[in-house]
Every structure is written in structure tokens, then in C-alpha cells.
């Protein structure tokens, strides 16, 4: 994924991490529902998307400043960089 058009955060991704199990770890702890799942490319945690009521992945980004997430949804192959607001399919 070493394209000149990609931001430095996306260029740094060598292998995409996809979380095991198909659950938002935080929603499970608090008996909440989620819509879609995303996996942090820095630490590997899988959390819910912004369409979900609790928006755990965005909260994770604001707390930890881990810049890139991947969709953890079957059949979806994309990355999103929060600070650079850049989307790329892989």
C-alpha cells in the first residue's frame, strides 16, 4: 500500500489487522448493540462504528490517537485515517 497519494498513516500499514470474533468489545461489556465493526490498526481492538449508538471506535481514536482503522465487516476491504480523513480500499 505504498502509494504517493496516501497519507503517511496509511502508507505505514504493512498488514491489515482484522479482529477475531465479530463483536464490539465495549458494547459486550455494557450489554449494548452495534451496527458495524472496525479494527484499530495500531492495537488491534475491534469496536463499533459511528452508525452505532456508542461510537466506540471514534471514542478510542480520541482517547488513544491511533490513526487508522479497517472495516471488520465480511466482504469489506477498506481503511480510514482519522487525522487525514482519508479512505482507501485495498
Protein backbone atom coordinates (compact mmCIF):
# COMPACT_ATOMS: atom_id res chain seq x y z
CA UNK A 1 0.00 0.00 0.00
CA UNK A 2 2.79 2.41 -0.76
CA UNK A 3 1.01 4.93 -2.98
CA UNK A 4 2.20 8.53 -3.19
CA UNK A 5 -1.42 9.72 -2.83
CA UNK A 6 -1.82 8.07 0.57
CA UNK A 7 -1.14 9.88 3.83
CA UNK A 8 1.79 8.74 5.98
CA UNK A 9 -0.52 6.84 8.34
CA UNK A 10 -1.98 4.71 5.55
CA UNK A 11 1.43 4.24 3.93
CA UNK A 12 2.68 2.80 7.24
CA UNK A 13 0.20 -0.10 7.15
CA UNK A 14 2.09 -3.22 6.07
CA UNK A 15 -0.52 -5.83 7.00
CA UNK A 16 -4.17 -5.15 7.75
CA UNK A 17 -5.36 -6.39 11.14
CA UNK A 18 -8.90 -7.75 11.38
CA UNK A 19 -10.22 -8.52 14.84
CA UNK A 20 -11.18 -12.03 15.88
CA UNK A 21 -14.76 -12.65 16.88
CA UNK A 22 -17.46 -10.47 15.46
CA UNK A 23 -18.28 -8.26 18.45
CA UNK A 24 -17.62 -4.77 19.78
CA UNK A 25 -15.64 -5.46 22.93
CA UNK A 26 -17.03 -2.38 24.72
CA UNK A 27 -20.66 -2.98 23.70
CA UNK A 28 -20.44 -6.55 25.03
CA UNK A 29 -19.15 -5.27 28.41
CA UNK A 30 -22.10 -2.87 28.73
CA UNK A 31 -24.81 -5.02 27.08
CA UNK A 32 -25.19 -2.59 24.18
CA UNK A 33 -25.89 -3.08 20.46
CA UNK A 34 -23.70 -2.15 17.49
CA UNK A 35 -24.22 -1.72 13.75
CA UNK A 36 -20.81 -2.38 12.12
CA UNK A 37 -17.35 -3.19 13.43
CA UNK A 38 -13.95 -1.60 12.88
CA UNK A 39 -10.47 -2.78 13.88
CA UNK A 40 -7.76 -0.39 15.08
CA UNK A 41 -4.60 -0.85 13.04
CA UNK A 42 -2.36 0.22 15.92
CA UNK A 43 -3.54 -2.03 18.76
CA UNK A 44 -5.94 -4.46 17.06
CA UNK A 45 -9.01 -3.72 19.20
CA UNK A 46 -12.36 -4.22 17.45
CA UNK A 47 -15.07 -1.69 18.28
CA UNK A 48 -18.30 -0.32 16.81
CA UNK A 49 -18.67 2.27 14.04
CA UNK A 50 -20.14 5.79 14.03
CA UNK A 51 -23.54 4.44 12.96
CA UNK A 52 -23.66 2.55 16.25
CA UNK A 53 -25.20 4.31 19.28
CA UNK A 54 -21.98 4.39 21.34
CA UNK A 55 -19.45 5.06 18.53
CA UNK A 56 -16.73 3.21 20.46
CA UNK A 57 -14.10 3.26 17.70
CA UNK A 58 -14.19 7.04 17.34
CA UNK A 59 -14.01 7.35 21.14
CA UNK A 60 -10.98 5.05 21.03
CA UNK A 61 -9.33 7.29 18.43
CA UNK A 62 -9.90 10.42 20.53
CA UNK A 63 -8.56 8.72 23.67
CA UNK A 64 -5.60 6.85 22.16
CA UNK A 65 -4.82 8.81 18.96
CA UNK A 66 -4.44 5.59 16.94
CA UNK A 67 -4.92 6.98 13.43
CA UNK A 68 -6.07 4.13 11.15
CA UNK A 69 -8.97 1.69 11.29
CA UNK A 70 -10.11 -1.11 8.97
CA UNK A 71 -13.58 -2.39 8.40
CA UNK A 72 -14.07 -5.69 10.26
CA UNK A 73 -17.17 -6.47 8.22
CA UNK A 74 -17.08 -9.55 5.98
CA UNK A 75 -16.55 -8.61 2.35
CA UNK A 76 -15.41 -5.04 3.12
CA UNK A 77 -11.76 -4.20 2.47
CA UNK A 78 -11.06 -0.58 3.34
CA UNK A 79 -9.04 1.61 5.68
CA UNK A 80 -9.83 5.03 7.16
CA UNK A 81 -7.32 7.53 8.56
CA UNK A 82 -8.93 9.75 11.19
CA UNK A 83 -6.44 12.66 11.28
CA UNK A 84 -6.13 12.93 7.49
CA UNK A 85 -9.76 11.95 6.77
CA UNK A 86 -8.55 9.62 4.04
CA UNK A 87 -10.32 6.47 2.84
CA UNK A 88 -8.74 3.72 0.75
CA UNK A 89 -9.91 0.33 -0.45
CA UNK A 90 -7.36 -2.45 -0.55
